[in-house]
Protein backbone atom coordinates (compact mmCIF):
# COMPACT_ATOMS: atom_id res chain seq x y z
CA MET A 1 121.08 -28.72 133.17
CA LYS A 2 124.04 -26.94 134.74
CA ASN A 3 125.85 -30.25 135.31
CA ALA A 4 125.29 -31.19 131.68
CA LEU A 5 126.94 -27.96 130.54
CA ILE A 6 129.86 -28.48 132.89
CA ASN A 7 130.35 -32.03 131.58
CA LEU A 8 130.20 -30.74 128.01
CA LEU A 9 133.16 -28.49 128.68
CA LYS A 10 135.42 -31.30 129.85
CA VAL A 11 138.45 -31.96 127.68
CA LYS A 12 137.29 -35.39 126.52
CA SER A 13 133.98 -33.97 125.40
CA LEU A 14 135.64 -31.13 123.54
CA MET A 15 138.01 -33.56 121.81
CA THR A 16 135.08 -35.78 120.81
CA ILE A 17 133.21 -32.83 119.32
CA ALA A 18 136.36 -31.60 117.57
CA VAL A 19 137.05 -34.99 115.97
CA MET A 20 133.49 -35.21 114.71
CA ILE A 21 133.59 -31.68 113.28
CA VAL A 22 136.92 -32.30 111.53
CA PHE A 23 135.72 -35.48 109.88
CA VAL A 24 132.42 -33.92 108.81
CA VAL A 25 134.26 -30.97 107.25
CA LEU A 26 136.70 -33.31 105.49
CA ALA A 27 133.81 -35.37 104.14
CA LEU A 28 131.94 -32.30 102.93
CA THR A 29 135.05 -31.04 101.10
CA ASN A 30 135.65 -34.52 99.57
CA LYS A 31 139.04 -34.90 101.28
CA VAL A 32 138.04 -38.25 102.81
CA ASP A 33 135.47 -40.85 101.92
CA GLU A 34 132.04 -40.55 103.53
CA SER A 35 132.15 -44.17 104.69
CA LEU A 36 135.39 -43.49 106.60
CA THR A 37 133.78 -40.46 108.20
CA ALA A 38 130.72 -42.48 109.19
CA SER A 39 132.93 -45.20 110.68
CA VAL A 40 135.03 -42.77 112.71
CA ILE A 41 132.04 -40.83 114.01
CA THR A 42 130.25 -44.06 114.91
CA ALA A 43 133.32 -45.29 116.80
CA VAL A 44 133.71 -42.00 118.67
CA ILE A 45 130.04 -41.83 119.63
CA THR A 46 130.02 -45.49 120.66
CA TYR A 47 133.05 -44.96 122.89
CA TYR A 48 131.65 -41.76 124.37
CA PHE A 49 128.26 -43.18 125.27
CA THR A 50 129.40 -46.64 126.43
CA LYS A 51 132.30 -45.64 128.65
CA ARG A 52 132.02 -46.20 132.37
CA GLU A 53 131.40 -43.24 134.62
CA SER A 54 134.48 -43.67 136.81
CA GLU A 55 135.42 -40.02 136.77
């Protein structure tokens, strides 16, 4: 559990969360299309969970 929290605080993880939050807020305020938001979030999550653990 402690390692999971440490990994969550890494810069890449914070940037991933920030990108998802920004696009969700933009979609909720009708600044961008929901389909664009879904595509971006799907791409970010796919990258995050399929990357190799070389770090």
